[in-house]
Amino acid sequence: MGRIEPHYSKEGRAILADVVPLSQPFSIQIEASQVCNISCNYCMQSFIKQDRPKIMDMDTFDTLCYRMADFDDRLKQVNWAGWGEPLVNKNLPGMIDELRAYDITENIAVVTNGLLLEPSLSYDLIESGLNHLRISLQGMTSEKYKEVCGKGIDYEAFIENIRWFYNHKKDCQISIKIADVSLGEGERELFFDTFEPMADRVYVESIRPMFSQNKQDGMIISKYGEEHPPVSTCPLPFYMFSITAAGDILPCCAYSDPVGLGNIKDKSLKLLWEGQEMREFQIMLLSGQRNNQNRYPVCCHCLMPDAILTPGDNIDVKAKEITRRLL
């Protein structure tokens, strides 16, 4: 029976303000695909068009594995997420298996809409050594999927495919969430009744503004439903890298490159993490000037920090102390 809580655990979680600067990232997000099989009306896939969306190829992934293996210790987490739907990439189970062979990370998670799950793919993902499958629902009916995603689905078949994964998952955890705006009257209870028996965690997530195109409501509440003061120091560049499907290196989960760190084909993740570019970027964030500076214009309009802040990741409270540690 699924617990009603978000995918992350509050227990045993490091307090970021107490441990930065880190000798290496806690996590790396990998974009398996910039292509998605749906186009949700609140998502960047609907209003930020890419010229040539890419799917990560094996050569790029092999280079990435080499770069990640250069860190002194294993990463705590590798997340498959980003612009598109990871399951669009047919090589994904093999890529996860390769991560296991390299012994690069303690945990591997895939963030997916789940619509491409079917028993043969689910079997391959389970056998690959996947630790966590995070499924995001867009509604409780086929009609709601048509409204939100522009595409109707066979909802009963969708549920059965999730059930198949759960019944065969071995040590892999399943988290299932749905956006609050996708639930109609009485459907919150229906969501829990339907999916608690086929998940380890279930959760109703708050839709929050993350892009300038989204409607703003003036409320500083995370997508986990927790109210907090406005975030000055984005915590992401202090514990993660994101790697795009083309191999470009980002210091956060932004969808526009704020720094220009380069590409894994010719840049070392370890040297970048330890280097001056990242330190200067982090110090800028700690200075409280994120929304009022010209060097990193992408950061001036980014709404991600307020939307995705998790408990334990607020480093504003110790910004001056952390700056001293970095200098």
C-alpha atoms as a PDB file:
ATOM      1  CA  MET A   1       0.000   0.000   0.000  1.00  0.00           C
ATOM      2  CA  GLY A   2       1.449   3.352  -1.022  1.00  0.00           C
ATOM      3  CA  ARG A   3       2.324   5.994   1.544  1.00  0.00           C
ATOM      4  CA  ILE A   4       0.851   9.447   0.913  1.00  0.00           C
ATOM      5  CA  GLU A   5       4.030  11.533   0.614  1.00  0.00           C
ATOM      6  CA  PRO A   6       6.339  12.922  -2.099  1.00  0.00           C
ATOM      7  CA  HIS A   7       9.089  10.810  -3.654  1.00  0.00           C
ATOM      8  CA  TYR A   8      11.918  12.295  -1.582  1.00  0.00           C
ATOM      9  CA  SER A   9      12.584  11.230   1.989  1.00  0.00           C
ATOM     10  CA  LYS A  10      12.918  13.781   4.787  1.00  0.00           C
ATOM     11  CA  GLU A  11      14.600  11.206   7.016  1.00  0.00           C
ATOM     12  CA  GLY A  12      18.389  11.061   6.794  1.00  0.00           C
ATOM     13  CA  ARG A  13      18.434  13.917   4.287  1.00  0.00           C
ATOM     14  CA  ALA A  14      21.479  16.199   4.442  1.00  0.00           C
ATOM     15  CA  ILE A  15      20.819  19.823   5.412  1.00  0.00           C
ATOM     16  CA  LEU A  16      22.364  21.502   2.382  1.00  0.00           C
ATOM     17  CA  ALA A  17      23.383  24.698   4.179  1.00  0.00           C
ATOM     18  CA  ASP A  18      25.474  22.627   6.595  1.00  0.00           C
ATOM     19  CA  VAL A  19      27.402  20.574   4.029  1.00  0.00           C
ATOM     20  CA  VAL A  20      28.197  22.844   1.071  1.00  0.00           C
ATOM     21  CA  PRO A  21      30.563  23.266  -0.636  1.00  0.00           C
ATOM     22  CA  LEU A  22      30.479  19.644  -1.750  1.00  0.00           C
ATOM     23  CA  SER A  23      33.554  17.886  -3.120  1.00  0.00           C
ATOM     24  CA  GLN A  24      31.332  16.510  -5.906  1.00  0.00           C
ATOM     25  CA  PRO A  25      27.632  16.712  -6.860  1.00  0.00           C
ATOM     26  CA  PHE A  26      25.082  14.692  -4.962  1.00  0.00           C
ATOM     27  CA  SER A  27      23.161  14.051  -8.188  1.00  0.00           C
ATOM     28  CA  ILE A  28      23.221  14.320 -11.954  1.00  0.00           C
ATOM     29  CA  GLN A  29      20.115  14.709 -14.085  1.00  0.00           C
ATOM     30  CA  ILE A  30      20.332  13.121 -17.527  1.00  0.00           C
ATOM     31  CA  GLU A  31      18.039  14.088 -20.370  1.00  0.00           C
ATOM     32  CA  ALA A  32      17.438  10.862 -22.294  1.00  0.00           C
ATOM     33  CA  SER A  33      15.153  12.642 -24.751  1.00  0.00           C
ATOM     34  CA  GLN A  34      14.009  16.136 -25.685  1.00  0.00           C
ATOM     35  CA  VAL A  35      11.012  14.582 -27.449  1.00  0.00           C
ATOM     36  CA  CYS A  36       7.760  13.950 -25.590  1.00  0.00           C
ATOM     37  CA  ASN A  37       4.825  11.764 -26.587  1.00  0.00           C
ATOM     38  CA  ILE A  38       2.319  14.276 -25.176  1.00  0.00           C
ATOM     39  CA  SER A  39       2.096  18.065 -24.942  1.00  0.00           C
ATOM     40  CA  CYS A  40       0.626  19.135 -21.606  1.00  0.00           C
ATOM     41  CA  ASN A  41      -0.865  22.605 -21.611  1.00  0.00           C
ATOM     42  CA  TYR A  42       1.135  23.760 -18.548  1.00  0.00           C
ATOM     43  CA  CYS A  43       4.481  22.323 -19.720  1.00  0.00           C
ATOM     44  CA  MET A  44       7.355  23.913 -21.660  1.00  0.00           C
ATOM     45  CA  GLN A  45       6.702  21.338 -24.400  1.00  0.00           C
ATOM     46  CA  SER A  46       3.598  23.380 -25.250  1.00  0.00           C
ATOM     47  CA  PHE A  47       5.106  26.854 -25.432  1.00  0.00           C
ATOM     48  CA  ILE A  48       8.907  26.614 -25.794  1.00  0.00           C
ATOM     49  CA  LYS A  49       9.720  25.210 -29.200  1.00  0.00           C
ATOM     50  CA  GLN A  50      13.050  23.547 -29.923  1.00  0.00           C
ATOM     51  CA  ASP A  51      14.564  23.725 -33.390  1.00  0.00           C
ATOM     52  CA  ARG A  52      15.908  20.189 -33.443  1.00  0.00           C
ATOM     53  CA  PRO A  53      14.930  18.145 -30.387  1.00  0.00           C
ATOM     54  CA  LYS A  54      17.416  15.373 -29.707  1.00  0.00           C
ATOM     55  CA  ILE A  55      17.459  11.890 -28.265  1.00  0.00           C
ATOM     56  CA  MET A  56      20.654  10.978 -26.433  1.00  0.00           C
ATOM     57  CA  ASP A  57      22.740   8.507 -28.447  1.00  0.00           C
ATOM     58  CA  MET A  58      24.993   5.810 -27.043  1.00  0.00           C
ATOM     59  CA  ASP A  59      28.221   7.622 -27.944  1.00  0.00           C
ATOM     60  CA  THR A  60      27.142  10.653 -25.889  1.00  0.00           C
ATOM     61  CA  PHE A  61      26.024   8.421 -23.046  1.00  0.00           C
ATOM     62  CA  ASP A  62      29.288   6.437 -23.053  1.00  0.00           C
ATOM     63  CA  THR A  63      31.213   9.712 -22.794  1.00  0.00           C
ATOM     64  CA  LEU A  64      28.961  10.812 -19.943  1.00  0.00           C
ATOM     65  CA  CYS A  65      29.619   7.568 -18.061  1.00  0.00           C
ATOM     66  CA  TYR A  66      33.348   8.171 -18.443  1.00  0.00           C
ATOM     67  CA  ARG A  67      32.960  11.709 -17.088  1.00  0.00           C
ATOM     68  CA  MET A  68      30.813  10.641 -14.125  1.00  0.00           C
ATOM     69  CA  ALA A  69      33.190   7.816 -13.242  1.00  0.00           C
ATOM     70  CA  ASP A  70      35.946  10.431 -12.835  1.00  0.00           C
ATOM     71  CA  PHE A  71      34.491  11.586  -9.499  1.00  0.00           C
ATOM     72  CA  ASP A  72      36.199  10.151  -6.422  1.00  0.00           C
ATOM     73  CA  ASP A  73      33.035   8.586  -5.018  1.00  0.00           C
ATOM     74  CA  ARG A  74      29.754   7.273  -6.339  1.00  0.00           C
ATOM     75  CA  LEU A  75      26.982   9.798  -6.910  1.00  0.00           C
ATOM     76  CA  LYS A  76      24.031   9.584  -4.575  1.00  0.00           C
ATOM     77  CA  GLN A  77      21.504   9.820  -7.403  1.00  0.00           C
ATOM     78  CA  VAL A  78      21.131   9.795 -11.180  1.00  0.00           C
ATOM     79  CA  ASN A  79      17.758  11.086 -12.394  1.00  0.00           C
ATOM     80  CA  TRP A  80      16.516  10.539 -15.940  1.00  0.00           C
ATOM     81  CA  ALA A  81      14.397  13.629 -16.581  1.00  0.00           C
ATOM     82  CA  GLY A  82      14.477  16.913 -18.513  1.00  0.00           C
ATOM     83  CA  TRP A  83      12.744  18.339 -21.568  1.00  0.00           C
ATOM     84  CA  GLY A  84      11.194  15.181 -22.928  1.00  0.00           C
ATOM     85  CA  GLU A  85       9.884  11.747 -22.014  1.00  0.00           C
ATOM     86  CA  PRO A  86      12.770   9.396 -21.071  1.00  0.00           C
ATOM     87  CA  LEU A  87      10.945   6.272 -22.277  1.00  0.00           C
ATOM     88  CA  VAL A  88      10.992   7.643 -25.834  1.00  0.00           C
ATOM     89  CA  ASN A  89      14.676   6.674 -25.863  1.00  0.00           C
ATOM     90  CA  LYS A  90      14.715   2.968 -26.779  1.00  0.00           C
ATOM     91  CA  ASN A  91      18.228   2.608 -25.338  1.00  0.00           C
ATOM     92  CA  LEU A  92      17.162   3.635 -21.824  1.00  0.00           C
ATOM     93  CA  PRO A  93      17.167   0.153 -20.202  1.00  0.00           C
ATOM     94  CA  GLY A  94      20.623  -0.526 -21.671  1.00  0.00           C
ATOM     95  CA  MET A  95      21.864   2.847 -20.427  1.00  0.00           C
ATOM     96  CA  ILE A  96      20.652   2.085 -16.900  1.00  0.00           C
ATOM     97  CA  ASP A  97      22.337  -1.313 -17.088  1.00  0.00           C
ATOM     98  CA  GLU A  98      25.585   0.426 -18.113  1.00  0.00           C
ATOM     99  CA  LEU A  99      25.336   2.805 -15.143  1.00  0.00           C
ATOM    100  CA  ARG A 100      25.109  -0.257 -12.928  1.00  0.00           C
ATOM    101  CA  ALA A 101      28.129  -1.850 -14.625  1.00  0.00           C
ATOM    102  CA  TYR A 102      30.205   1.306 -14.052  1.00  0.00           C
ATOM    103  CA  ASP A 103      28.998   1.442 -10.400  1.00  0.00           C
ATOM    104  CA  ILE A 104      28.608   5.208 -10.789  1.00  0.00           C
ATOM    105  CA  THR A 105      25.678   5.874  -8.475  1.00  0.00           C
ATOM    106  CA  GLU A 106      23.831   4.583  -5.455  1.00  0.00           C
ATOM    107  CA  ASN A 107      20.350   5.175  -6.931  1.00  0.00           C
ATOM    108  CA  ILE A 108      18.833   5.530 -10.388  1.00  0.00           C
ATOM    109  CA  ALA A 109      15.403   7.110 -10.970  1.00  0.00           C
ATOM    110  CA  VAL A 110      13.297   7.647 -14.086  1.00  0.00           C
ATOM    111  CA  VAL A 111      10.711  10.448 -14.165  1.00  0.00           C
ATOM    112  CA  THR A 112       8.039   9.521 -16.710  1.00  0.00           C
ATOM    113  CA  ASN A 113       4.436  10.079 -17.747  1.00  0.00           C
ATOM    114  CA  GLY A 114       4.205   6.283 -17.881  1.00  0.00           C
ATOM    115  CA  LEU A 115       2.202   6.147 -21.097  1.00  0.00           C
ATOM    116  CA  LEU A 116       4.822   4.098 -22.948  1.00  0.00           C
ATOM    117  CA  LEU A 117       5.042   1.480 -20.228  1.00  0.00           C
ATOM    118  CA  GLU A 118       4.049  -1.953 -21.381  1.00  0.00           C
ATOM    119  CA  PRO A 119       5.159  -5.329 -20.012  1.00  0.00           C
ATOM    120  CA  SER A 120       8.207  -5.903 -22.216  1.00  0.00           C
ATOM    121  CA  LEU A 121       9.641  -2.440 -21.548  1.00  0.00           C
ATOM    122  CA  SER A 122       8.742  -2.694 -17.857  1.00  0.00           C
ATOM    123  CA  TYR A 123      10.565  -6.018 -17.670  1.00  0.00           C
ATOM    124  CA  ASP A 124      13.685  -4.497 -19.258  1.00  0.00           C
ATOM    125  CA  LEU A 125      13.613  -1.530 -16.862  1.00  0.00           C
ATOM    126  CA  ILE A 126      13.224  -3.780 -13.834  1.00  0.00           C
ATOM    127  CA  GLU A 127      16.046  -6.072 -14.970  1.00  0.00           C
ATOM    128  CA  SER A 128      18.316  -3.093 -15.714  1.00  0.00           C
ATOM    129  CA  GLY A 129      18.582  -2.298 -11.999  1.00  0.00           C
ATOM    130  CA  LEU A 130      16.308   0.742 -11.858  1.00  0.00           C
ATOM    131  CA  ASN A 131      15.732   1.862  -8.259  1.00  0.00           C
ATOM    132  CA  HIS A 132      12.827   4.261  -8.620  1.00  0.00           C
ATOM    133  CA  LEU A 133      10.109   4.867 -11.203  1.00  0.00           C
ATOM    134  CA  ARG A 134       8.304   8.203 -10.733  1.00  0.00           C
ATOM    135  CA  ILE A 135       5.083   8.416 -12.725  1.00  0.00           C
ATOM    136  CA  SER A 136       3.312  11.738 -13.281  1.00  0.00           C
ATOM    137  CA  LEU A 137      -0.398  11.468 -14.078  1.00  0.00           C
ATOM    138  CA  GLN A 138      -2.298  14.139 -16.001  1.00  0.00           C
ATOM    139  CA  GLY A 139      -5.817  13.108 -15.090  1.00  0.00           C
ATOM    140  CA  MET A 140      -8.123  10.362 -13.906  1.00  0.00           C
ATOM    141  CA  THR A 141      -9.914   9.789 -17.213  1.00  0.00           C
ATOM    142  CA  SER A 142      -9.125   9.546 -20.901  1.00  0.00           C
ATOM    143  CA  GLU A 143     -11.153  12.718 -21.413  1.00  0.00           C
ATOM    144  CA  LYS A 144      -8.968  14.616 -18.944  1.00  0.00           C
ATOM    145  CA  TYR A 145      -5.853  13.473 -20.792  1.00  0.00           C
ATOM    146  CA  LYS A 146      -7.370  14.810 -23.996  1.00  0.00           C
ATOM    147  CA  GLU A 147      -7.994  18.164 -22.296  1.00  0.00           C
ATOM    148  CA  VAL A 148      -4.573  18.511 -20.626  1.00  0.00           C
ATOM    149  CA  CYS A 149      -2.309  16.720 -23.113  1.00  0.00           C
ATOM    150  CA  GLY A 150      -4.133  17.022 -26.408  1.00  0.00           C
ATOM    151  CA  LYS A 151      -4.229  13.233 -26.583  1.00  0.00           C
ATOM    152  CA  GLY A 152      -6.760  10.727 -25.328  1.00  0.00           C
ATOM    153  CA  ILE A 153      -5.567   7.407 -23.940  1.00  0.00           C
ATOM    154  CA  ASP A 154      -6.930   3.975 -23.091  1.00  0.00           C
ATOM    155  CA  TYR A 155      -7.065   4.703 -19.378  1.00  0.00           C
ATOM    156  CA  GLU A 156      -7.835   1.172 -18.226  1.00  0.00           C
ATOM    157  CA  ALA A 157      -4.906  -0.224 -20.223  1.00  0.00           C
ATOM    158  CA  PHE A 158      -2.693   2.499 -18.745  1.00  0.00           C
ATOM    159  CA  ILE A 159      -3.655   1.463 -15.204  1.00  0.00           C
ATOM    160  CA  GLU A 160      -3.068  -2.207 -16.005  1.00  0.00           C
ATOM    161  CA  ASN A 161       0.434  -1.454 -17.320  1.00  0.00           C
ATOM    162  CA  ILE A 162       1.287   0.341 -14.069  1.00  0.00           C
ATOM    163  CA  ARG A 163      -0.154  -2.565 -12.111  1.00  0.00           C
ATOM    164  CA  TRP A 164       1.995  -5.000 -14.117  1.00  0.00           C
ATOM    165  CA  PHE A 165       5.133  -3.033 -13.254  1.00  0.00           C
ATOM    166  CA  TYR A 166       4.206  -2.933  -9.568  1.00  0.00           C
ATOM    167  CA  ASN A 167       3.515  -6.665  -9.429  1.00  0.00           C
ATOM    168  CA  HIS A 168       6.912  -7.508 -11.024  1.00  0.00           C
ATOM    169  CA  LYS A 169       9.114  -4.683  -9.725  1.00  0.00           C
ATOM    170  CA  LYS A 170      11.413  -6.551  -7.303  1.00  0.00           C
ATOM    171  CA  ASP A 171      13.397  -3.880  -5.369  1.00  0.00           C
ATOM    172  CA  CYS A 172      12.338  -0.948  -7.554  1.00  0.00           C
ATOM    173  CA  GLN A 173      10.153   1.704  -5.891  1.00  0.00           C
ATOM    174  CA  ILE A 174       7.181   3.312  -7.636  1.00  0.00           C
ATOM    175  CA  SER A 175       5.977   6.836  -6.867  1.00  0.00           C
ATOM    176  CA  ILE A 176       2.802   8.097  -8.535  1.00  0.00           C
ATOM    177  CA  LYS A 177       1.760  11.734  -8.405  1.00  0.00           C
ATOM    178  CA  ILE A 178      -0.930  13.840  -9.986  1.00  0.00           C
ATOM    179  CA  ALA A 179      -1.284  17.615 -10.300  1.00  0.00           C
ATOM    180  CA  ASP A 180      -3.962  19.208  -8.158  1.00  0.00           C
ATOM    181  CA  VAL A 181      -5.382  21.051 -11.192  1.00  0.00           C
ATOM    182  CA  SER A 182      -5.964  17.714 -12.930  1.00  0.00           C
ATOM    183  CA  LEU A 183      -8.396  16.505 -10.274  1.00  0.00           C
ATOM    184  CA  GLY A 184     -12.101  17.143 -10.432  1.00  0.00           C
ATOM    185  CA  GLU A 185     -14.633  16.997  -7.623  1.00  0.00           C
ATOM    186  CA  GLY A 186     -14.252  13.762  -5.667  1.00  0.00           C
ATOM    187  CA  GLU A 187     -11.280  12.626  -7.728  1.00  0.00           C
ATOM    188  CA  ARG A 188      -8.655  13.138  -5.007  1.00  0.00           C
ATOM    189  CA  GLU A 189     -10.140  10.188  -3.127  1.00  0.00           C
ATOM    190  CA  LEU A 190     -10.457   8.236  -6.373  1.00  0.00           C
ATOM    191  CA  PHE A 191      -6.764   8.855  -7.103  1.00  0.00           C
ATOM    192  CA  PHE A 192      -5.669   7.474  -3.738  1.00  0.00           C
ATOM    193  CA  ASP A 193      -8.102   4.541  -3.901  1.00  0.00           C
ATOM    194  CA  THR A 194      -6.917   3.619  -7.395  1.00  0.00           C
ATOM    195  CA  PHE A 195      -3.160   3.993  -7.078  1.00  0.00           C
ATOM    196  CA  GLU A 196      -2.257   3.336  -3.429  1.00  0.00           C
ATOM    197  CA  PRO A 197      -2.515  -0.444  -4.057  1.00  0.00           C
ATOM    198  CA  MET A 198       0.004  -0.245  -6.937  1.00  0.00           C
ATOM    199  CA  ALA A 199       2.596   2.205  -5.631  1.00  0.00           C
ATOM    200  CA  ASP A 200       5.049   2.699  -2.792  1.00  0.00           C
ATOM    201  CA  ARG A 201       4.241   6.419  -2.573  1.00  0.00           C
ATOM    202  CA  VAL A 202       1.380   8.492  -3.942  1.00  0.00           C
ATOM    203  CA  TYR A 203       1.053  12.247  -3.839  1.00  0.00           C
ATOM    204  CA  VAL A 204      -1.025  15.176  -5.057  1.00  0.00           C
ATOM    205  CA  GLU A 205       1.365  17.877  -6.277  1.00  0.00           C
ATOM    206  CA  SER A 206       0.659  21.595  -6.488  1.00  0.00           C
ATOM    207  CA  ILE A 207       1.145  23.131  -9.925  1.00  0.00           C
ATOM    208  CA  ARG A 208       3.455  26.116  -9.476  1.00  0.00           C
ATOM    209  CA  PRO A 209       4.705  28.784 -11.909  1.00  0.00           C
ATOM    210  CA  MET A 210       8.113  27.721 -13.286  1.00  0.00           C
ATOM    211  CA  PHE A 211       8.269  29.691 -16.527  1.00  0.00           C
ATOM    212  CA  SER A 212       7.592  33.306 -17.400  1.00  0.00           C
ATOM    213  CA  GLN A 213       4.792  32.139 -19.705  1.00  0.00           C
ATOM    214  CA  ASN A 214       2.911  30.594 -16.759  1.00  0.00           C
ATOM    215  CA  LYS A 215       0.279  32.611 -14.945  1.00  0.00           C
ATOM    216  CA  GLN A 216       1.594  34.049 -11.695  1.00  0.00           C
ATOM    217  CA  ASP A 217      -0.486  34.115  -8.526  1.00  0.00           C
ATOM    218  CA  GLY A 218       1.929  35.909  -6.192  1.00  0.00           C
ATOM    219  CA  MET A 219       2.076  32.999  -3.755  1.00  0.00           C
ATOM    220  CA  ILE A 220       5.443  31.572  -2.658  1.00  0.00           C
ATOM    221  CA  ILE A 221       4.528  27.913  -2.254  1.00  0.00           C
ATOM    222  CA  SER A 222       6.556  24.964  -3.504  1.00  0.00           C
ATOM    223  CA  LYS A 223       5.075  22.248  -5.677  1.00  0.00           C
ATOM    224  CA  TYR A 224       5.078  20.151  -2.497  1.00  0.00           C
ATOM    225  CA  GLY A 225       2.537  22.551  -0.995  1.00  0.00           C
ATOM    226  CA  GLU A 226       4.904  24.163   1.509  1.00  0.00           C
ATOM    227  CA  GLU A 227       4.836  27.943   1.938  1.00  0.00           C
ATOM    228  CA  HIS A 228       8.246  29.579   2.308  1.00  0.00           C
ATOM    229  CA  PRO A 229       9.946  32.988   2.004  1.00  0.00           C
ATOM    230  CA  PRO A 230      11.067  33.983  -1.530  1.00  0.00           C
ATOM    231  CA  VAL A 231      14.207  32.023  -2.442  1.00  0.00           C
ATOM    232  CA  SER A 232      17.217  34.234  -3.084  1.00  0.00           C
ATOM    233  CA  THR A 233      19.932  31.588  -3.461  1.00  0.00           C
ATOM    234  CA  CYS A 234      18.972  28.848  -5.894  1.00  0.00           C
ATOM    235  CA  PRO A 235      20.227  25.651  -4.218  1.00  0.00           C
ATOM    236  CA  LEU A 236      20.484  23.513  -7.361  1.00  0.00           C
ATOM    237  CA  PRO A 237      23.999  24.532  -8.538  1.00  0.00           C
ATOM    238  CA  PHE A 238      25.335  23.576  -5.117  1.00  0.00           C
ATOM    239  CA  TYR A 239      24.477  19.877  -5.433  1.00  0.00           C
ATOM    240  CA  MET A 240      23.812  18.882  -9.063  1.00  0.00           C
ATOM    241  CA  PHE A 241      24.630  18.983 -12.761  1.00  0.00           C
ATOM    242  CA  SER A 242      22.170  18.453 -15.622  1.00  0.00           C
ATOM    243  CA  ILE A 243      23.292  16.889 -18.890  1.00  0.00           C
ATOM    244  CA  THR A 244      21.190  17.514 -21.982  1.00  0.00           C
ATOM    245  CA  ALA A 245      20.493  14.937 -24.678  1.00  0.00           C
ATOM    246  CA  ALA A 246      23.228  16.585 -26.756  1.00  0.00           C
ATOM    247  CA  GLY A 247      25.726  16.398 -23.888  1.00  0.00           C
ATOM    248  CA  ASP A 248      25.664  20.052 -22.835  1.00  0.00           C
ATOM    249  CA  ILE A 249      26.399  20.660 -19.145  1.00  0.00           C
ATOM    250  CA  LEU A 250      24.051  22.812 -17.044  1.00  0.00           C
ATOM    251  CA  PRO A 251      24.531  23.766 -13.375  1.00  0.00           C
ATOM    252  CA  CYS A 252      20.843  23.271 -12.577  1.00  0.00           C
ATOM    253  CA  CYS A 253      17.612  21.915 -14.052  1.00  0.00           C
ATOM    254  CA  ALA A 254      16.912  25.085 -16.045  1.00  0.00           C
ATOM    255  CA  TYR A 255      15.719  24.795 -19.628  1.00  0.00           C
ATOM    256  CA  SER A 256      18.011  27.580 -20.817  1.00  0.00           C
ATOM    257  CA  ASP A 257      21.752  27.443 -20.172  1.00  0.00           C
ATOM    258  CA  PRO A 258      22.639  30.115 -17.578  1.00  0.00           C
ATOM    259  CA  VAL A 259      26.429  29.733 -17.586  1.00  0.00           C
ATOM    260  CA  GLY A 260      27.767  28.025 -20.733  1.00  0.00           C
ATOM    261  CA  LEU A 261      29.922  25.365 -19.104  1.00  0.00           C
ATOM    262  CA  GLY A 262      30.338  23.437 -22.347  1.00  0.00           C
ATOM    263  CA  ASN A 263      29.832  19.844 -23.456  1.00  0.00           C
ATOM    264  CA  ILE A 264      30.919  16.528 -21.954  1.00  0.00           C
ATOM    265  CA  LYS A 265      32.724  15.707 -25.202  1.00  0.00           C
ATOM    266  CA  ASP A 266      35.488  18.142 -24.276  1.00  0.00           C
ATOM    267  CA  LYS A 267      34.851  19.108 -20.626  1.00  0.00           C
ATOM    268  CA  SER A 268      35.491  17.197 -17.411  1.00  0.00           C
ATOM    269  CA  LEU A 269      32.598  17.238 -14.947  1.00  0.00           C
ATOM    270  CA  LYS A 270      35.028  16.850 -12.064  1.00  0.00           C
ATOM    271  CA  LEU A 271      37.195  19.795 -13.153  1.00  0.00           C
ATOM    272  CA  LEU A 272      34.139  21.962 -13.820  1.00  0.00           C
ATOM    273  CA  TRP A 273      32.711  21.202 -10.378  1.00  0.00           C
ATOM    274  CA  GLU A 274      35.995  22.184  -8.757  1.00  0.00           C
ATOM    275  CA  GLY A 275      36.676  25.093 -11.108  1.00  0.00           C
ATOM    276  CA  GLN A 276      36.439  28.862 -11.015  1.00  0.00           C
ATOM    277  CA  GLU A 277      33.373  29.147 -13.288  1.00  0.00           C
ATOM    278  CA  MET A 278      31.175  27.227 -10.870  1.00  0.00           C
ATOM    279  CA  ARG A 279      32.590  29.048  -7.852  1.00  0.00           C
ATOM    280  CA  GLU A 280      31.877  32.467  -9.382  1.00  0.00           C
ATOM    281  CA  PHE A 281      28.358  31.387 -10.287  1.00  0.00           C
ATOM    282  CA  GLN A 282      27.679  30.049  -6.783  1.00  0.00           C
ATOM    283  CA  ILE A 283      29.056  33.202  -5.143  1.00  0.00           C
ATOM    284  CA  MET A 284      26.786  35.328  -7.343  1.00  0.00           C
ATOM    285  CA  LEU A 285      23.789  33.322  -6.134  1.00  0.00           C
ATOM    286  CA  LEU A 286      24.867  33.631  -2.507  1.00  0.00           C
ATOM    287  CA  SER A 287      25.244  37.408  -2.879  1.00  0.00           C
ATOM    288  CA  GLY A 288      21.487  37.881  -3.221  1.00  0.00           C
ATOM    289  CA  GLN A 289      21.838  39.341  -6.718  1.00  0.00           C
ATOM    290  CA  ARG A 290      20.226  36.480  -8.677  1.00  0.00           C
ATOM    291  CA  ASN A 291      17.348  38.657  -9.889  1.00  0.00           C
ATOM    292  CA  ASN A 292      19.407  41.807 -10.335  1.00  0.00           C
ATOM    293  CA  GLN A 293      22.577  41.157 -12.355  1.00  0.00           C
ATOM    294  CA  ASN A 294      23.592  41.012 -16.023  1.00  0.00           C
ATOM    295  CA  ARG A 295      26.187  38.265 -16.226  1.00  0.00           C
ATOM    296  CA  TYR A 296      23.670  35.378 -15.962  1.00  0.00           C
ATOM    297  CA  PRO A 297      20.450  36.797 -17.462  1.00  0.00           C
ATOM    298  CA  VAL A 298      18.654  33.436 -17.472  1.00  0.00           C
ATOM    299  CA  CYS A 299      18.681  33.483 -13.659  1.00  0.00           C
ATOM    300  CA  CYS A 300      16.965  36.875 -13.450  1.00  0.00           C
ATOM    301  CA  HIS A 301      13.613  35.495 -14.606  1.00  0.00           C
ATOM    302  CA  CYS A 302      13.846  31.889 -13.397  1.00  0.00           C
ATOM    303  CA  LEU A 303      11.002  30.800 -11.125  1.00  0.00           C
ATOM    304  CA  MET A 304      12.338  27.303 -10.461  1.00  0.00           C
ATOM    305  CA  PRO A 305      13.868  27.943  -7.004  1.00  0.00           C
ATOM    306  CA  ASP A 306      10.560  29.011  -5.442  1.00  0.00           C
ATOM    307  CA  ALA A 307       8.647  26.200  -7.134  1.00  0.00           C
ATOM    308  CA  ILE A 308      10.874  23.227  -6.396  1.00  0.00           C
ATOM    309  CA  LEU A 309      12.395  24.039  -3.000  1.00  0.00           C
ATOM    310  CA  THR A 310      12.429  20.965  -0.779  1.00  0.00           C
ATOM    311  CA  PRO A 311      12.871  20.931   3.009  1.00  0.00           C
ATOM    312  CA  GLY A 312      16.540  21.008   3.879  1.00  0.00           C
ATOM    313  CA  ASP A 313      17.650  22.754   0.683  1.00  0.00           C
ATOM    314  CA  ASN A 314      17.160  26.376   1.743  1.00  0.00           C
ATOM    315  CA  ILE A 315      20.666  27.878   1.954  1.00  0.00           C
ATOM    316  CA  ASP A 316      19.641  31.537   2.240  1.00  0.00           C
ATOM    317  CA  VAL A 317      19.872  31.266   6.021  1.00  0.00           C
ATOM    318  CA  LYS A 318      23.629  30.653   5.847  1.00  0.00           C
ATOM    319  CA  ALA A 319      24.540  32.468   2.622  1.00  0.00           C
ATOM    320  CA  LYS A 320      27.285  34.612   4.158  1.00  0.00           C
ATOM    321  CA  GLU A 321      28.829  31.686   6.014  1.00  0.00           C
ATOM    322  CA  ILE A 322      28.800  29.518   2.868  1.00  0.00           C
ATOM    323  CA  THR A 323      30.445  32.332   0.891  1.00  0.00           C
ATOM    324  CA  ARG A 324      33.292  32.349   3.413  1.00  0.00           C
ATOM    325  CA  ARG A 325      33.684  28.597   2.973  1.00  0.00           C
ATOM    326  CA  LEU A 326      33.954  29.023  -0.801  1.00  0.00           C
ATOM    327  CA  LEU A 327      36.534  31.820  -0.720  1.00  0.00           C
END
